[in-house]
């Protein structure tokens, strides 16, 4: 269900319409506000220039996290593949042991 949520970013209030929870939208707004504050600190930038730089910082963070997530997925896949290979080896070793024990 869509709801109106008011957040404050860089000292200005914005009313957003969102399906997500108020807590989630507020968290997002706090992240944007934090980025804008960081970019504007000590710099003589207009709000729109600061917003572009903050957006670039967030995009950079997003792509770095996306890459890290992909690397983790690859490591998990490799681990699962190795696990499957080891299970096959164990199964083959058990069959070989069974054969050897029954040859006597």
C-alpha atoms as a PDB file:
ATOM      1  CA  UNK A   1       0.000   0.000   0.000  1.00  0.00           C
ATOM      2  CA  UNK A   2       1.408   3.377  -0.979  1.00  0.00           C
ATOM      3  CA  UNK A   3       1.906   5.915   1.761  1.00  0.00           C
ATOM      4  CA  UNK A   4       3.159   9.468   2.028  1.00  0.00           C
ATOM      5  CA  UNK A   5       6.369   9.812   3.999  1.00  0.00           C
ATOM      6  CA  UNK A   6       8.076  13.091   4.830  1.00  0.00           C
ATOM      7  CA  UNK A   7      11.864  13.079   5.109  1.00  0.00           C
ATOM      8  CA  UNK A   8      14.481  15.783   5.545  1.00  0.00           C
ATOM      9  CA  UNK A   9      17.480  15.882   3.237  1.00  0.00           C
ATOM     10  CA  UNK A  10      20.049  18.701   3.411  1.00  0.00           C
ATOM     11  CA  UNK A  11      17.706  20.719   5.589  1.00  0.00           C
ATOM     12  CA  UNK A  12      14.809  20.520   3.152  1.00  0.00           C
ATOM     13  CA  UNK A  13      11.662  18.473   3.658  1.00  0.00           C
ATOM     14  CA  UNK A  14      10.443  16.148   0.931  1.00  0.00           C
ATOM     15  CA  UNK A  15       7.184  14.238   0.890  1.00  0.00           C
ATOM     16  CA  UNK A  16       7.579  10.934  -0.888  1.00  0.00           C
ATOM     17  CA  UNK A  17       5.006   8.373  -1.943  1.00  0.00           C
ATOM     18  CA  UNK A  18       6.318   4.864  -1.390  1.00  0.00           C
ATOM     19  CA  UNK A  19       5.188   1.279  -0.980  1.00  0.00           C
ATOM     20  CA  UNK A  20       8.124   0.551   1.297  1.00  0.00           C
ATOM     21  CA  UNK A  21       7.945   1.001   5.057  1.00  0.00           C
ATOM     22  CA  UNK A  22       8.500   4.403   6.605  1.00  0.00           C
ATOM     23  CA  UNK A  23      11.556   3.038   8.390  1.00  0.00           C
ATOM     24  CA  UNK A  24      13.119   1.939   5.091  1.00  0.00           C
ATOM     25  CA  UNK A  25      12.402   5.239   3.313  1.00  0.00           C
ATOM     26  CA  UNK A  26      13.762   7.186   6.282  1.00  0.00           C
ATOM     27  CA  UNK A  27      16.923   5.069   6.254  1.00  0.00           C
ATOM     28  CA  UNK A  28      17.391   5.797   2.557  1.00  0.00           C
ATOM     29  CA  UNK A  29      16.851   9.509   3.133  1.00  0.00           C
ATOM     30  CA  UNK A  30      19.373   9.483   5.976  1.00  0.00           C
ATOM     31  CA  UNK A  31      21.954   7.900   3.676  1.00  0.00           C
ATOM     32  CA  UNK A  32      21.359  10.544   1.003  1.00  0.00           C
ATOM     33  CA  UNK A  33      21.443  13.302   3.618  1.00  0.00           C
ATOM     34  CA  UNK A  34      24.709  11.934   4.994  1.00  0.00           C
ATOM     35  CA  UNK A  35      26.275  11.838   1.524  1.00  0.00           C
ATOM     36  CA  UNK A  36      25.134  15.375   0.747  1.00  0.00           C
ATOM     37  CA  UNK A  37      26.421  16.660   4.073  1.00  0.00           C
ATOM     38  CA  UNK A  38      29.764  14.975   3.460  1.00  0.00           C
ATOM     39  CA  UNK A  39      30.078  16.425  -0.057  1.00  0.00           C
ATOM     40  CA  UNK A  40      29.033  19.917   1.013  1.00  0.00           C
ATOM     41  CA  UNK A  41      31.372  20.048   4.041  1.00  0.00           C
ATOM     42  CA  UNK A  42      34.049  22.617   3.406  1.00  0.00           C
ATOM     43  CA  UNK A  43      33.122  22.955  -0.262  1.00  0.00           C
ATOM     44  CA  UNK A  44      31.411  25.846  -1.936  1.00  0.00           C
ATOM     45  CA  UNK A  45      28.931  23.879  -3.982  1.00  0.00           C
ATOM     46  CA  UNK A  46      25.375  24.529  -4.891  1.00  0.00           C
ATOM     47  CA  UNK A  47      22.802  22.012  -3.783  1.00  0.00           C
ATOM     48  CA  UNK A  48      22.422  20.532  -7.297  1.00  0.00           C
ATOM     49  CA  UNK A  49      26.205  20.082  -7.764  1.00  0.00           C
ATOM     50  CA  UNK A  50      26.436  18.513  -4.322  1.00  0.00           C
ATOM     51  CA  UNK A  51      23.519  16.228  -5.196  1.00  0.00           C
ATOM     52  CA  UNK A  52      25.294  15.077  -8.362  1.00  0.00           C
ATOM     53  CA  UNK A  53      28.497  14.347  -6.450  1.00  0.00           C
ATOM     54  CA  UNK A  54      26.556  12.550  -3.709  1.00  0.00           C
ATOM     55  CA  UNK A  55      24.762  10.504  -6.370  1.00  0.00           C
ATOM     56  CA  UNK A  56      28.123   9.602  -7.906  1.00  0.00           C
ATOM     57  CA  UNK A  57      29.407   8.504  -4.483  1.00  0.00           C
ATOM     58  CA  UNK A  58      26.299   6.375  -3.946  1.00  0.00           C
ATOM     59  CA  UNK A  59      26.599   4.878  -7.447  1.00  0.00           C
ATOM     60  CA  UNK A  60      30.234   4.039  -6.728  1.00  0.00           C
ATOM     61  CA  UNK A  61      29.281   2.360  -3.444  1.00  0.00           C
ATOM     62  CA  UNK A  62      26.458   0.489  -5.172  1.00  0.00           C
ATOM     63  CA  UNK A  63      28.692  -0.903  -7.931  1.00  0.00           C
ATOM     64  CA  UNK A  64      31.448  -1.828  -5.492  1.00  0.00           C
ATOM     65  CA  UNK A  65      28.944  -3.692  -3.296  1.00  0.00           C
ATOM     66  CA  UNK A  66      27.422  -5.334  -6.353  1.00  0.00           C
ATOM     67  CA  UNK A  67      30.882  -6.539  -7.428  1.00  0.00           C
ATOM     68  CA  UNK A  68      31.648  -7.768  -3.900  1.00  0.00           C
ATOM     69  CA  UNK A  69      28.330  -9.640  -3.864  1.00  0.00           C
ATOM     70  CA  UNK A  70      29.121 -11.233  -7.217  1.00  0.00           C
ATOM     71  CA  UNK A  71      32.548 -12.276  -5.929  1.00  0.00           C
ATOM     72  CA  UNK A  72      30.912 -13.866  -2.875  1.00  0.00           C
ATOM     73  CA  UNK A  73      28.401 -15.699  -5.080  1.00  0.00           C
ATOM     74  CA  UNK A  74      31.285 -17.010  -7.183  1.00  0.00           C
ATOM     75  CA  UNK A  75      33.165 -18.160  -4.075  1.00  0.00           C
ATOM     76  CA  UNK A  76      30.037 -19.907  -2.783  1.00  0.00           C
ATOM     77  CA  UNK A  77      29.489 -21.594  -6.150  1.00  0.00           C
ATOM     78  CA  UNK A  78      33.109 -22.748  -6.225  1.00  0.00           C
ATOM     79  CA  UNK A  79      32.761 -24.056  -2.670  1.00  0.00           C
ATOM     80  CA  UNK A  80      29.575 -25.935  -3.559  1.00  0.00           C
ATOM     81  CA  UNK A  81      31.223 -27.385  -6.671  1.00  0.00           C
ATOM     82  CA  UNK A  82      34.222 -28.493  -4.594  1.00  0.00           C
ATOM     83  CA  UNK A  83      31.860 -29.991  -2.011  1.00  0.00           C
ATOM     84  CA  UNK A  84      30.039 -31.958  -4.736  1.00  0.00           C
ATOM     85  CA  UNK A  85      33.367 -33.170  -6.161  1.00  0.00           C
ATOM     86  CA  UNK A  86      34.543 -34.308  -2.725  1.00  0.00           C
ATOM     87  CA  UNK A  87      31.248 -36.112  -2.105  1.00  0.00           C
ATOM     88  CA  UNK A  88      31.713 -37.985  -5.380  1.00  0.00           C
ATOM     89  CA  UNK A  89      35.279 -38.915  -4.413  1.00  0.00           C
ATOM     90  CA  UNK A  90      34.072 -40.111  -1.004  1.00  0.00           C
ATOM     91  CA  UNK A  91      31.330 -42.163  -2.601  1.00  0.00           C
ATOM     92  CA  UNK A  92      33.814 -43.740  -5.023  1.00  0.00           C
ATOM     93  CA  UNK A  93      36.236 -44.473  -2.168  1.00  0.00           C
ATOM     94  CA  UNK A  94      33.446 -46.136  -0.165  1.00  0.00           C
ATOM     95  CA  UNK A  95      32.525 -48.297  -3.173  1.00  0.00           C
ATOM     96  CA  UNK A  96      36.175 -49.270  -3.594  1.00  0.00           C
ATOM     97  CA  UNK A  97      36.494 -50.151   0.111  1.00  0.00           C
ATOM     98  CA  UNK A  98      33.298 -52.215  -0.120  1.00  0.00           C
ATOM     99  CA  UNK A  99      34.681 -54.074  -3.165  1.00  0.00           C
ATOM    100  CA  UNK A 100      37.982 -54.740  -1.447  1.00  0.00           C
ATOM    101  CA  UNK A 101      36.288 -56.012   1.722  1.00  0.00           C
ATOM    102  CA  UNK A 102      34.065 -58.384  -0.256  1.00  0.00           C
ATOM    103  CA  UNK A 103      36.953 -59.902  -2.280  1.00  0.00           C
ATOM    104  CA  UNK A 104      38.218 -61.879   0.720  1.00  0.00           C
END
